[in-house]
Amino acid sequence: MKKLFMLLAMTCILISCDLTGYGPKEQTGGVEVYYQPDALKEQAKSLSEMLDTLGYGKEGEVSFQVVKDSIVHINMVTMDQYHVDTSMDYALNAISIMSSMEIFKKDKVQLHVCDETFTRKRSLEVYNN
């Protein structure tokens, strides 16, 4: 009985842990937005909804991560080609501008192009509404 209780307790602990380290997740359609700290839950949900409305995730799941320190960082998983190719920067900067205006109204926002583990490969401009 003790072993069963310990197994059940360990299972509950593992399920509640964030094993990826990306933070909790909000998802709307094919747009998933991880966030850190937990206080960003509502903003992450709003960002997920905004990006879904803009058509992101229509052709498969897309991943973002919102992290806040002195500014708001939006990490976006992109194809490897965009780690160096700047041809989509105009559209990507629109994410920063719109999220600064509509979601993170008092914060500076910067979008980062990342690989599938949210490792930043390139950073775009900082925007402040």
N, C-alpha and C. Protein backbone atom coordinates (compact mmCIF):
# COMPACT_ATOMS: atom_id res chain seq x y z
N MET A 1 0.83 -1.19 0.00
CA MET A 1 0.00 0.00 0.00
C MET A 1 0.87 1.26 0.00
N LYS A 2 1.97 1.22 0.79
CA LYS A 2 2.88 2.37 0.84
C LYS A 2 3.51 2.65 -0.52
N LYS A 3 3.89 1.56 -1.21
CA LYS A 3 4.51 1.71 -2.52
C LYS A 3 3.52 2.31 -3.52
N LEU A 4 2.28 1.88 -3.45
CA LEU A 4 1.25 2.42 -4.33
C LEU A 4 1.04 3.90 -4.08
N PHE A 5 1.00 4.29 -2.81
CA PHE A 5 0.84 5.70 -2.45
C PHE A 5 2.03 6.52 -2.96
N MET A 6 3.25 6.01 -2.79
CA MET A 6 4.45 6.72 -3.27
C MET A 6 4.43 6.86 -4.79
N LEU A 7 4.03 5.80 -5.48
CA LEU A 7 3.94 5.84 -6.93
C LEU A 7 2.92 6.87 -7.38
N LEU A 8 1.78 6.90 -6.73
CA LEU A 8 0.74 7.87 -7.05
C LEU A 8 1.22 9.30 -6.78
N ALA A 9 1.90 9.51 -5.67
CA ALA A 9 2.42 10.83 -5.33
C ALA A 9 3.47 11.29 -6.35
N MET A 10 4.37 10.41 -6.73
CA MET A 10 5.41 10.76 -7.72
C MET A 10 4.79 11.08 -9.09
N THR A 11 3.77 10.33 -9.46
CA THR A 11 3.08 10.57 -10.73
C THR A 11 2.43 11.96 -10.73
N CYS A 12 1.78 12.31 -9.62
CA CYS A 12 1.16 13.64 -9.50
C CYS A 12 2.20 14.74 -9.58
N ILE A 13 3.31 14.56 -8.95
CA ILE A 13 4.38 15.56 -8.97
C ILE A 13 4.92 15.73 -10.38
N LEU A 14 5.18 14.63 -11.08
CA LEU A 14 5.71 14.72 -12.44
C LEU A 14 4.71 15.36 -13.39
N ILE A 15 3.45 15.06 -13.24
CA ILE A 15 2.42 15.64 -14.11
C ILE A 15 2.34 17.15 -13.91
N SER A 16 2.51 17.60 -12.68
CA SER A 16 2.39 19.03 -12.39
C SER A 16 3.65 19.81 -12.74
N CYS A 17 4.75 19.15 -13.00
CA CYS A 17 6.02 19.83 -13.32
C CYS A 17 6.03 20.29 -14.77
N ASP A 18 6.75 21.37 -15.00
CA ASP A 18 6.99 21.85 -16.35
C ASP A 18 8.29 21.23 -16.82
N LEU A 19 8.22 20.07 -17.44
CA LEU A 19 9.41 19.33 -17.81
C LEU A 19 10.19 20.00 -18.94
N THR A 20 9.54 20.82 -19.75
CA THR A 20 10.22 21.47 -20.86
C THR A 20 10.97 22.72 -20.42
N GLY A 21 10.50 23.36 -19.34
CA GLY A 21 11.11 24.61 -18.91
C GLY A 21 10.61 25.82 -19.68
N TYR A 22 9.64 25.62 -20.58
CA TYR A 22 9.12 26.71 -21.39
C TYR A 22 8.05 27.51 -20.66
N GLY A 23 7.52 26.98 -19.59
CA GLY A 23 6.43 27.62 -18.85
C GLY A 23 5.10 27.00 -19.21
N PRO A 24 4.04 27.44 -18.53
CA PRO A 24 2.69 26.95 -18.87
C PRO A 24 2.31 27.40 -20.28
N LYS A 25 1.22 26.85 -20.81
CA LYS A 25 0.86 27.13 -22.20
C LYS A 25 -0.61 27.51 -22.32
N GLU A 26 -0.87 28.48 -23.19
CA GLU A 26 -2.22 28.82 -23.64
C GLU A 26 -2.27 28.48 -25.13
N GLN A 27 -3.38 27.95 -25.60
CA GLN A 27 -3.48 27.59 -27.01
C GLN A 27 -4.83 28.00 -27.57
N THR A 28 -4.79 28.61 -28.76
CA THR A 28 -5.98 28.95 -29.52
C THR A 28 -5.75 28.44 -30.93
N GLY A 29 -6.58 27.51 -31.37
CA GLY A 29 -6.38 26.93 -32.70
C GLY A 29 -5.01 26.29 -32.78
N GLY A 30 -4.26 26.65 -33.81
CA GLY A 30 -2.91 26.10 -33.99
C GLY A 30 -1.81 26.95 -33.39
N VAL A 31 -2.17 27.94 -32.56
CA VAL A 31 -1.17 28.84 -31.96
C VAL A 31 -1.01 28.48 -30.48
N GLU A 32 0.20 28.06 -30.12
CA GLU A 32 0.49 27.81 -28.71
C GLU A 32 1.45 28.87 -28.21
N VAL A 33 1.12 29.41 -27.03
CA VAL A 33 1.95 30.46 -26.42
C VAL A 33 2.32 30.02 -25.01
N TYR A 34 3.60 29.74 -24.82
CA TYR A 34 4.12 29.44 -23.49
C TYR A 34 4.43 30.78 -22.81
N TYR A 35 4.42 30.81 -21.50
CA TYR A 35 4.67 32.09 -20.82
C TYR A 35 5.37 31.89 -19.48
N GLN A 36 6.17 32.89 -19.14
CA GLN A 36 6.87 32.98 -17.86
C GLN A 36 7.01 34.43 -17.51
N PRO A 37 6.66 34.88 -16.36
CA PRO A 37 6.12 34.18 -15.20
C PRO A 37 4.63 33.92 -15.34
N ASP A 38 4.06 33.25 -14.34
CA ASP A 38 2.64 32.88 -14.36
C ASP A 38 1.72 34.08 -14.47
N ALA A 39 2.17 35.25 -14.04
CA ALA A 39 1.35 36.47 -14.09
C ALA A 39 1.00 36.87 -15.53
N LEU A 40 1.67 36.29 -16.52
CA LEU A 40 1.42 36.62 -17.93
C LEU A 40 0.34 35.76 -18.57
N LYS A 41 -0.38 34.99 -17.78
CA LYS A 41 -1.36 34.06 -18.33
C LYS A 41 -2.39 34.75 -19.22
N GLU A 42 -3.00 35.82 -18.75
CA GLU A 42 -4.03 36.52 -19.54
C GLU A 42 -3.45 37.12 -20.81
N GLN A 43 -2.24 37.70 -20.72
CA GLN A 43 -1.61 38.26 -21.92
C GLN A 43 -1.24 37.16 -22.91
N ALA A 44 -0.78 36.02 -22.41
CA ALA A 44 -0.45 34.90 -23.30
C ALA A 44 -1.71 34.41 -24.02
N LYS A 45 -2.81 34.36 -23.31
CA LYS A 45 -4.08 33.96 -23.93
C LYS A 45 -4.50 34.96 -24.99
N SER A 46 -4.38 36.25 -24.68
CA SER A 46 -4.73 37.30 -25.66
C SER A 46 -3.83 37.24 -26.88
N LEU A 47 -2.53 37.00 -26.67
CA LEU A 47 -1.59 36.89 -27.79
C LEU A 47 -1.95 35.69 -28.66
N SER A 48 -2.26 34.57 -28.04
CA SER A 48 -2.64 33.37 -28.78
C SER A 48 -3.89 33.64 -29.62
N GLU A 49 -4.87 34.31 -29.05
CA GLU A 49 -6.10 34.62 -29.78
C GLU A 49 -5.83 35.60 -30.92
N MET A 50 -5.00 36.63 -30.67
CA MET A 50 -4.68 37.60 -31.71
C MET A 50 -3.96 36.93 -32.88
N LEU A 51 -2.98 36.10 -32.59
CA LEU A 51 -2.21 35.44 -33.65
C LEU A 51 -3.07 34.45 -34.42
N ASP A 52 -3.97 33.78 -33.73
CA ASP A 52 -4.90 32.87 -34.41
C ASP A 52 -5.80 33.65 -35.36
N THR A 53 -6.29 34.79 -34.91
CA THR A 53 -7.14 35.66 -35.75
C THR A 53 -6.38 36.13 -36.99
N LEU A 54 -5.07 36.35 -36.86
CA LEU A 54 -4.25 36.80 -37.98
C LEU A 54 -3.87 35.68 -38.94
N GLY A 55 -4.27 34.45 -38.61
CA GLY A 55 -4.02 33.34 -39.52
C GLY A 55 -2.82 32.47 -39.17
N TYR A 56 -2.12 32.79 -38.10
CA TYR A 56 -1.01 31.93 -37.70
C TYR A 56 -1.58 30.61 -37.22
N GLY A 57 -0.91 29.51 -37.51
CA GLY A 57 -1.35 28.20 -37.08
C GLY A 57 -2.40 27.56 -37.97
N LYS A 58 -2.75 28.19 -39.06
CA LYS A 58 -3.77 27.61 -39.95
C LYS A 58 -3.23 26.40 -40.71
N GLU A 59 -1.91 26.38 -40.95
CA GLU A 59 -1.31 25.28 -41.71
C GLU A 59 -0.50 24.35 -40.82
N GLY A 60 -0.76 24.36 -39.54
CA GLY A 60 -0.03 23.54 -38.58
C GLY A 60 0.29 24.37 -37.35
N GLU A 61 0.65 23.70 -36.30
CA GLU A 61 0.89 24.37 -35.03
C GLU A 61 2.12 25.29 -35.08
N VAL A 62 1.98 26.48 -34.51
CA VAL A 62 3.10 27.41 -34.37
C VAL A 62 3.29 27.71 -32.89
N SER A 63 4.55 27.88 -32.51
CA SER A 63 4.87 28.05 -31.10
C SER A 63 5.52 29.40 -30.82
N PHE A 64 5.05 30.01 -29.74
CA PHE A 64 5.59 31.26 -29.24
C PHE A 64 5.85 31.10 -27.75
N GLN A 65 6.71 31.95 -27.23
CA GLN A 65 6.94 32.00 -25.80
C GLN A 65 7.04 33.47 -25.40
N VAL A 66 6.34 33.83 -24.33
CA VAL A 66 6.39 35.20 -23.81
C VAL A 66 7.14 35.14 -22.49
N VAL A 67 8.20 35.94 -22.40
CA VAL A 67 9.01 36.02 -21.19
C VAL A 67 9.15 37.49 -20.85
N LYS A 68 9.00 37.81 -19.59
CA LYS A 68 9.10 39.21 -19.19
C LYS A 68 10.21 39.39 -18.16
N ASP A 69 11.08 40.36 -18.45
CA ASP A 69 12.04 40.85 -17.46
C ASP A 69 11.87 42.37 -17.48
N SER A 70 12.85 43.12 -17.91
CA SER A 70 12.66 44.57 -18.00
C SER A 70 11.78 44.95 -19.19
N ILE A 71 11.68 44.07 -20.18
CA ILE A 71 10.78 44.23 -21.32
C ILE A 71 10.09 42.89 -21.57
N VAL A 72 9.13 42.89 -22.49
CA VAL A 72 8.45 41.66 -22.88
C VAL A 72 9.17 41.09 -24.10
N HIS A 73 9.56 39.84 -24.00
CA HIS A 73 10.22 39.15 -25.10
C HIS A 73 9.25 38.13 -25.67
N ILE A 74 9.02 38.20 -26.98
CA ILE A 74 8.20 37.20 -27.65
C ILE A 74 9.15 36.36 -28.49
N ASN A 75 9.32 35.12 -28.08
CA ASN A 75 10.17 34.18 -28.80
C ASN A 75 9.29 33.39 -29.75
N MET A 76 9.66 33.38 -31.03
CA MET A 76 8.87 32.70 -32.05
C MET A 76 9.70 31.61 -32.71
N VAL A 77 9.18 30.40 -32.70
CA VAL A 77 9.85 29.30 -33.39
C VAL A 77 9.62 29.48 -34.88
N THR A 78 10.71 29.50 -35.65
CA THR A 78 10.61 29.67 -37.10
C THR A 78 11.42 28.58 -37.80
N MET A 79 11.22 28.50 -39.09
CA MET A 79 12.03 27.59 -39.90
C MET A 79 13.47 28.10 -39.86
N ASP A 80 14.40 27.20 -40.01
CA ASP A 80 15.83 27.55 -39.93
C ASP A 80 16.22 28.67 -40.88
N GLN A 81 15.60 28.75 -42.05
CA GLN A 81 15.98 29.77 -43.03
C GLN A 81 15.81 31.18 -42.47
N TYR A 82 14.82 31.40 -41.59
CA TYR A 82 14.57 32.73 -41.05
C TYR A 82 15.50 33.10 -39.91
N HIS A 83 16.37 32.18 -39.52
CA HIS A 83 17.38 32.51 -38.52
C HIS A 83 18.38 33.51 -39.11
N VAL A 84 18.51 33.54 -40.44
CA VAL A 84 19.40 34.50 -41.10
C VAL A 84 18.69 35.35 -42.16
N ASP A 85 17.62 34.84 -42.73
CA ASP A 85 16.87 35.54 -43.77
C ASP A 85 15.98 36.62 -43.14
N THR A 86 16.18 37.85 -43.56
CA THR A 86 15.43 38.98 -42.98
C THR A 86 14.22 39.38 -43.83
N SER A 87 13.87 38.61 -44.86
CA SER A 87 12.79 39.00 -45.77
C SER A 87 11.42 39.06 -45.09
N MET A 88 11.23 38.37 -43.98
CA MET A 88 9.95 38.36 -43.29
C MET A 88 9.93 39.30 -42.08
N ASP A 89 10.99 40.08 -41.88
CA ASP A 89 11.07 40.93 -40.70
C ASP A 89 9.95 41.96 -40.62
N TYR A 90 9.50 42.48 -41.75
CA TYR A 90 8.42 43.45 -41.74
C TYR A 90 7.17 42.85 -41.10
N ALA A 91 6.81 41.64 -41.53
CA ALA A 91 5.63 40.96 -40.99
C ALA A 91 5.85 40.57 -39.53
N LEU A 92 7.05 40.13 -39.20
CA LEU A 92 7.33 39.73 -37.82
C LEU A 92 7.32 40.93 -36.88
N ASN A 93 7.81 42.06 -37.34
CA ASN A 93 7.76 43.27 -36.51
C ASN A 93 6.32 43.70 -36.25
N ALA A 94 5.42 43.37 -37.15
CA ALA A 94 4.01 43.70 -36.95
C ALA A 94 3.46 43.00 -35.71
N ILE A 95 3.96 41.80 -35.41
CA ILE A 95 3.55 41.10 -34.20
C ILE A 95 3.94 41.91 -32.97
N SER A 96 5.16 42.43 -32.97
CA SER A 96 5.62 43.26 -31.84
C SER A 96 4.79 44.51 -31.69
N ILE A 97 4.55 45.18 -32.81
CA ILE A 97 3.79 46.44 -32.78
C ILE A 97 2.37 46.20 -32.29
N MET A 98 1.69 45.22 -32.87
CA MET A 98 0.30 44.95 -32.49
C MET A 98 0.19 44.50 -31.04
N SER A 99 1.11 43.63 -30.61
CA SER A 99 1.03 43.16 -29.22
C SER A 99 1.38 44.27 -28.24
N SER A 100 2.27 45.18 -28.64
CA SER A 100 2.59 46.33 -27.80
C SER A 100 1.38 47.25 -27.66
N MET A 101 0.65 47.46 -28.75
CA MET A 101 -0.50 48.36 -28.73
C MET A 101 -1.71 47.75 -28.05
N GLU A 102 -1.94 46.43 -28.24
CA GLU A 102 -3.19 45.83 -27.80
C GLU A 102 -3.09 44.98 -26.53
N ILE A 103 -1.92 44.44 -26.25
CA ILE A 103 -1.81 43.49 -25.13
C ILE A 103 -0.89 43.99 -24.03
N PHE A 104 0.33 44.36 -24.39
CA PHE A 104 1.35 44.78 -23.41
C PHE A 104 1.48 46.30 -23.44
N LYS A 105 0.43 47.00 -23.12
CA LYS A 105 0.30 48.44 -23.35
C LYS A 105 1.35 49.31 -22.67
N LYS A 106 1.88 48.90 -21.55
CA LYS A 106 2.84 49.73 -20.83
C LYS A 106 4.26 49.20 -20.91
N ASP A 107 4.48 48.18 -21.74
CA ASP A 107 5.78 47.53 -21.80
C ASP A 107 6.40 47.62 -23.19
N LYS A 108 7.72 47.63 -23.21
CA LYS A 108 8.44 47.50 -24.47
C LYS A 108 8.36 46.04 -24.87
N VAL A 109 8.28 45.78 -26.19
CA VAL A 109 8.14 44.44 -26.71
C VAL A 109 9.20 44.19 -27.77
N GLN A 110 9.82 43.01 -27.70
CA GLN A 110 10.81 42.63 -28.71
C GLN A 110 10.55 41.19 -29.14
N LEU A 111 10.53 40.97 -30.45
CA LEU A 111 10.35 39.63 -30.99
C LEU A 111 11.71 39.03 -31.31
N HIS A 112 11.86 37.75 -30.99
CA HIS A 112 13.10 37.02 -31.26
C HIS A 112 12.78 35.81 -32.14
N VAL A 113 13.57 35.60 -33.17
CA VAL A 113 13.46 34.43 -34.03
C VAL A 113 14.23 33.31 -33.35
N CYS A 114 13.56 32.15 -33.17
CA CYS A 114 14.16 31.07 -32.38
C CYS A 114 14.08 29.73 -33.10
N ASP A 115 14.87 28.79 -32.58
CA ASP A 115 14.75 27.41 -33.06
C ASP A 115 13.67 26.70 -32.25
N GLU A 116 13.50 25.41 -32.46
CA GLU A 116 12.41 24.68 -31.82
C GLU A 116 12.53 24.52 -30.31
N THR A 117 13.67 24.92 -29.74
CA THR A 117 13.83 24.88 -28.27
C THR A 117 13.78 26.29 -27.68
N PHE A 118 13.30 27.26 -28.44
CA PHE A 118 13.22 28.66 -28.04
C PHE A 118 14.60 29.27 -27.78
N THR A 119 15.63 28.72 -28.41
CA THR A 119 16.96 29.34 -28.36
C THR A 119 16.97 30.47 -29.37
N ARG A 120 17.26 31.67 -28.91
CA ARG A 120 17.21 32.84 -29.79
C ARG A 120 18.33 32.81 -30.82
N LYS A 121 17.93 32.99 -32.06
CA LYS A 121 18.87 33.03 -33.18
C LYS A 121 19.08 34.45 -33.69
N ARG A 122 18.04 35.27 -33.56
CA ARG A 122 18.11 36.65 -34.04
C ARG A 122 17.04 37.46 -33.33
N SER A 123 17.36 38.71 -33.02
CA SER A 123 16.41 39.59 -32.35
C SER A 123 16.04 40.75 -33.26
N LEU A 124 14.75 41.10 -33.26
CA LEU A 124 14.26 42.21 -34.05
C LEU A 124 14.19 43.47 -33.20
N GLU A 125 13.59 44.51 -33.72
CA GLU A 125 13.54 45.81 -33.03
C GLU A 125 12.68 45.76 -31.77
N VAL A 126 12.99 46.65 -30.84
CA VAL A 126 12.18 46.82 -29.64
C VAL A 126 11.12 47.87 -29.93
N TYR A 127 9.86 47.55 -29.59
CA TYR A 127 8.78 48.51 -29.80
C TYR A 127 8.14 48.87 -28.47
N ASN A 128 7.75 50.14 -28.37
CA ASN A 128 7.07 50.64 -27.18
C ASN A 128 5.90 51.48 -27.62
N ASN A 129 4.73 51.16 -27.13
CA ASN A 129 3.53 51.92 -27.48
C ASN A 129 3.48 53.21 -26.72
